[in-house]
Amino acid sequence: MKKFLISLGLAALFVGGTLFAGKTALHTVSDFANRENLEKTTLVQERVQETISLLEDLSEDPYIRSKEHSYQEKAAYLTDKNQQENLGYMMLRILDEEIGVYREDAESSVSNLGSRDYMQKLYKTGEVQVTDAFLCRG
């Protein structure tokens, strides 16, 4: 009976140790995953903030603010800037007061974002709007 109790005690210690090790490993993996997610989240937040800062700077650019240049010329300026400075964006476009989208190869707007709620809010309040990616003909 004594051997049985010692064996049972050792088995309980083994199971308890295994459970503890399993919980510790799970906790360690969870901590690692949380750190990885936090790092990725931080990178995304930094990229979004960089983009907002760039767009705010561009909105103050004398060439962009000038009334002497057409929207088509301003769109070409943005495309050149994106390529020459290796900004890393697929495209940069400029919008007019009617929320028409311009690009360098078209004299008139190629699309209009006026029907989108976030654009209405942007034009009404001036507050930065961050959206999911979307398709637009422009």
C-alpha atoms as a PDB file:
ATOM      1  CA  MET A   1       0.000   0.000   0.000  1.00  0.00           C
ATOM      2  CA  LYS A   2       2.903   2.297   0.810  1.00  0.00           C
ATOM      3  CA  LYS A   3       4.388   1.716  -2.675  1.00  0.00           C
ATOM      4  CA  PHE A   4       0.977   2.431  -4.211  1.00  0.00           C
ATOM      5  CA  LEU A   5       0.678   5.764  -2.339  1.00  0.00           C
ATOM      6  CA  ILE A   6       4.233   6.747  -3.299  1.00  0.00           C
ATOM      7  CA  SER A   7       3.514   5.838  -6.937  1.00  0.00           C
ATOM      8  CA  LEU A   8       0.246   7.754  -6.789  1.00  0.00           C
ATOM      9  CA  GLY A   9       2.078  10.740  -5.267  1.00  0.00           C
ATOM     10  CA  LEU A  10       4.759  10.601  -7.965  1.00  0.00           C
ATOM     11  CA  ALA A  11       2.094  10.315 -10.657  1.00  0.00           C
ATOM     12  CA  ALA A  12       0.318  13.338  -9.177  1.00  0.00           C
ATOM     13  CA  LEU A  13       3.602  15.276  -9.143  1.00  0.00           C
ATOM     14  CA  PHE A  14       4.256  14.255 -12.748  1.00  0.00           C
ATOM     15  CA  VAL A  15       0.776  15.298 -13.867  1.00  0.00           C
ATOM     16  CA  GLY A  16       0.987  18.519 -11.848  1.00  0.00           C
ATOM     17  CA  GLY A  17       4.425  19.271 -13.304  1.00  0.00           C
ATOM     18  CA  THR A  18       3.223  18.529 -16.815  1.00  0.00           C
ATOM     19  CA  LEU A  19       0.178  20.763 -16.358  1.00  0.00           C
ATOM     20  CA  PHE A  20       2.377  23.533 -14.960  1.00  0.00           C
ATOM     21  CA  ALA A  21       4.847  23.161 -17.844  1.00  0.00           C
ATOM     22  CA  GLY A  22       1.977  23.153 -20.340  1.00  0.00           C
ATOM     23  CA  LYS A  23       0.436  26.268 -18.809  1.00  0.00           C
ATOM     24  CA  THR A  24       3.823  27.981 -18.720  1.00  0.00           C
ATOM     25  CA  ALA A  25       4.486  27.084 -22.368  1.00  0.00           C
ATOM     26  CA  LEU A  26       1.020  28.276 -23.377  1.00  0.00           C
ATOM     27  CA  HIS A  27       1.547  31.517 -21.445  1.00  0.00           C
ATOM     28  CA  THR A  28       4.962  32.003 -23.093  1.00  0.00           C
ATOM     29  CA  VAL A  29       3.530  31.404 -26.576  1.00  0.00           C
ATOM     30  CA  SER A  30       0.638  33.740 -25.813  1.00  0.00           C
ATOM     31  CA  ASP A  31       3.026  36.456 -24.589  1.00  0.00           C
ATOM     32  CA  PHE A  32       5.129  36.041 -27.728  1.00  0.00           C
ATOM     33  CA  ALA A  33       2.060  36.288 -29.971  1.00  0.00           C
ATOM     34  CA  ASN A  34       0.858  39.372 -28.105  1.00  0.00           C
ATOM     35  CA  ARG A  35       4.291  41.015 -28.500  1.00  0.00           C
ATOM     36  CA  GLU A  36       4.325  40.147 -32.210  1.00  0.00           C
ATOM     37  CA  ASN A  37       0.833  41.596 -32.652  1.00  0.00           C
ATOM     38  CA  LEU A  38       1.780  44.713 -30.703  1.00  0.00           C
ATOM     39  CA  GLU A  39       4.848  45.206 -32.905  1.00  0.00           C
ATOM     40  CA  LYS A  40       2.761  44.795 -36.069  1.00  0.00           C
ATOM     41  CA  THR A  41       0.074  47.105 -34.729  1.00  0.00           C
ATOM     42  CA  THR A  42       2.719  49.688 -33.886  1.00  0.00           C
ATOM     43  CA  LEU A  43       4.188  49.442 -37.411  1.00  0.00           C
ATOM     44  CA  VAL A  44       0.751  49.948 -38.964  1.00  0.00           C
ATOM     45  CA  GLN A  45       0.024  52.913 -36.694  1.00  0.00           C
ATOM     46  CA  GLU A  46       3.384  54.465 -37.581  1.00  0.00           C
ATOM     47  CA  ARG A  47       2.742  54.004 -41.318  1.00  0.00           C
ATOM     48  CA  VAL A  48      -0.725  55.546 -41.027  1.00  0.00           C
ATOM     49  CA  GLN A  49       0.707  58.520 -39.116  1.00  0.00           C
ATOM     50  CA  GLU A  50       3.489  58.930 -41.706  1.00  0.00           C
ATOM     51  CA  THR A  51       0.866  58.959 -44.457  1.00  0.00           C
ATOM     52  CA  ILE A  52      -1.268  61.528 -42.642  1.00  0.00           C
ATOM     53  CA  SER A  53       1.790  63.734 -42.073  1.00  0.00           C
ATOM     54  CA  LEU A  54       2.795  63.444 -45.745  1.00  0.00           C
ATOM     55  CA  LEU A  55      -0.703  64.365 -46.923  1.00  0.00           C
ATOM     56  CA  GLU A  56      -0.865  67.317 -44.529  1.00  0.00           C
ATOM     57  CA  ASP A  57       2.531  68.502 -45.811  1.00  0.00           C
ATOM     58  CA  LEU A  58       1.425  68.080 -49.417  1.00  0.00           C
ATOM     59  CA  SER A  59      -1.730  70.081 -48.738  1.00  0.00           C
ATOM     60  CA  GLU A  60       0.506  73.004 -47.758  1.00  0.00           C
ATOM     61  CA  ASP A  61       2.861  72.609 -50.748  1.00  0.00           C
ATOM     62  CA  PRO A  62       2.931  75.900 -52.731  1.00  0.00           C
ATOM     63  CA  TYR A  63       2.560  74.059 -56.062  1.00  0.00           C
ATOM     64  CA  ILE A  64      -0.533  72.203 -54.841  1.00  0.00           C
ATOM     65  CA  ARG A  65      -2.063  75.338 -53.289  1.00  0.00           C
ATOM     66  CA  SER A  66      -1.410  77.429 -56.402  1.00  0.00           C
ATOM     67  CA  LYS A  67      -4.411  78.540 -58.459  1.00  0.00           C
ATOM     68  CA  GLU A  68      -2.109  78.822 -61.497  1.00  0.00           C
ATOM     69  CA  HIS A  69      -1.842  75.058 -62.030  1.00  0.00           C
ATOM     70  CA  SER A  70      -4.630  72.775 -63.223  1.00  0.00           C
ATOM     71  CA  TYR A  71      -5.683  69.709 -61.262  1.00  0.00           C
ATOM     72  CA  GLN A  72      -4.137  67.607 -64.019  1.00  0.00           C
ATOM     73  CA  GLU A  73      -0.777  69.391 -63.515  1.00  0.00           C
ATOM     74  CA  LYS A  74      -1.052  68.952 -59.760  1.00  0.00           C
ATOM     75  CA  ALA A  75      -1.790  65.245 -60.216  1.00  0.00           C
ATOM     76  CA  ALA A  76       1.341  64.944 -62.400  1.00  0.00           C
ATOM     77  CA  TYR A  77       3.330  66.753 -59.716  1.00  0.00           C
ATOM     78  CA  LEU A  78       2.132  64.250 -57.095  1.00  0.00           C
ATOM     79  CA  THR A  79       2.933  61.287 -59.340  1.00  0.00           C
ATOM     80  CA  ASP A  80       6.442  62.635 -59.976  1.00  0.00           C
ATOM     81  CA  LYS A  81       6.977  63.314 -56.286  1.00  0.00           C
ATOM     82  CA  ASN A  82       5.836  59.800 -55.383  1.00  0.00           C
ATOM     83  CA  GLN A  83       8.232  58.258 -57.910  1.00  0.00           C
ATOM     84  CA  GLN A  84      11.227  60.564 -57.469  1.00  0.00           C
ATOM     85  CA  GLU A  85      11.160  60.527 -53.678  1.00  0.00           C
ATOM     86  CA  ASN A  86      10.310  56.820 -53.604  1.00  0.00           C
ATOM     87  CA  LEU A  87       7.372  57.425 -51.249  1.00  0.00           C
ATOM     88  CA  GLY A  88       6.095  53.902 -51.843  1.00  0.00           C
ATOM     89  CA  TYR A  89       2.447  54.597 -52.688  1.00  0.00           C
ATOM     90  CA  MET A  90       0.660  52.921 -55.570  1.00  0.00           C
ATOM     91  CA  MET A  91      -0.683  56.322 -56.532  1.00  0.00           C
ATOM     92  CA  LEU A  92      -1.314  59.804 -55.208  1.00  0.00           C
ATOM     93  CA  ARG A  93      -4.293  61.708 -56.520  1.00  0.00           C
ATOM     94  CA  ILE A  94      -5.713  65.166 -56.029  1.00  0.00           C
ATOM     95  CA  LEU A  95      -9.357  66.077 -55.437  1.00  0.00           C
ATOM     96  CA  ASP A  96     -11.223  69.229 -56.363  1.00  0.00           C
ATOM     97  CA  GLU A  97     -13.887  71.091 -54.368  1.00  0.00           C
ATOM     98  CA  GLU A  98     -16.558  68.756 -55.742  1.00  0.00           C
ATOM     99  CA  ILE A  99     -14.531  65.725 -54.555  1.00  0.00           C
ATOM    100  CA  GLY A 100     -13.623  64.843 -58.134  1.00  0.00           C
ATOM    101  CA  VAL A 101     -10.502  62.702 -58.529  1.00  0.00           C
ATOM    102  CA  TYR A 102      -7.790  63.850 -60.943  1.00  0.00           C
ATOM    103  CA  ARG A 103      -4.806  62.086 -62.418  1.00  0.00           C
ATOM    104  CA  GLU A 104      -2.007  63.303 -64.670  1.00  0.00           C
ATOM    105  CA  ASP A 105      -3.359  61.843 -67.918  1.00  0.00           C
ATOM    106  CA  ALA A 106      -6.840  63.389 -67.792  1.00  0.00           C
ATOM    107  CA  GLU A 107      -7.939  67.026 -68.036  1.00  0.00           C
ATOM    108  CA  SER A 108     -11.185  66.445 -66.160  1.00  0.00           C
ATOM    109  CA  SER A 109     -11.975  64.389 -63.079  1.00  0.00           C
ATOM    110  CA  VAL A 110     -11.925  60.654 -63.700  1.00  0.00           C
ATOM    111  CA  SER A 111     -14.074  59.758 -60.721  1.00  0.00           C
ATOM    112  CA  ASN A 112     -15.976  61.343 -57.867  1.00  0.00           C
ATOM    113  CA  LEU A 113     -15.927  60.363 -54.210  1.00  0.00           C
ATOM    114  CA  GLY A 114     -18.697  62.764 -53.207  1.00  0.00           C
ATOM    115  CA  SER A 115     -21.150  59.968 -52.449  1.00  0.00           C
ATOM    116  CA  ARG A 116     -18.914  58.451 -49.767  1.00  0.00           C
ATOM    117  CA  ASP A 117     -19.840  59.307 -46.196  1.00  0.00           C
ATOM    118  CA  TYR A 118     -16.261  59.682 -44.980  1.00  0.00           C
ATOM    119  CA  MET A 119     -15.477  62.148 -47.778  1.00  0.00           C
ATOM    120  CA  GLN A 120     -18.543  64.205 -46.912  1.00  0.00           C
ATOM    121  CA  LYS A 121     -17.382  64.221 -43.293  1.00  0.00           C
ATOM    122  CA  LEU A 122     -13.841  65.180 -44.314  1.00  0.00           C
ATOM    123  CA  TYR A 123     -15.015  68.096 -46.441  1.00  0.00           C
ATOM    124  CA  LYS A 124     -17.513  69.211 -43.802  1.00  0.00           C
ATOM    125  CA  THR A 125     -15.318  68.972 -40.686  1.00  0.00           C
ATOM    126  CA  GLY A 126     -11.746  68.963 -41.959  1.00  0.00           C
ATOM    127  CA  GLU A 127     -11.033  66.020 -39.640  1.00  0.00           C
ATOM    128  CA  VAL A 128      -8.655  63.331 -40.841  1.00  0.00           C
ATOM    129  CA  GLN A 129     -10.464  60.238 -42.100  1.00  0.00           C
ATOM    130  CA  VAL A 130      -8.733  56.857 -42.254  1.00  0.00           C
ATOM    131  CA  THR A 131     -10.591  54.224 -44.244  1.00  0.00           C
ATOM    132  CA  ASP A 132     -10.115  50.720 -45.494  1.00  0.00           C
ATOM    133  CA  ALA A 133      -8.651  50.385 -48.961  1.00  0.00           C
ATOM    134  CA  PHE A 134     -11.215  50.854 -51.709  1.00  0.00           C
ATOM    135  CA  LEU A 135     -11.464  50.711 -55.466  1.00  0.00           C
ATOM    136  CA  CYS A 136     -12.025  53.846 -57.458  1.00  0.00           C
ATOM    137  CA  ARG A 137     -11.974  54.344 -61.189  1.00  0.00           C
ATOM    138  CA  GLY A 138      -9.406  57.144 -60.744  1.00  0.00           C
END
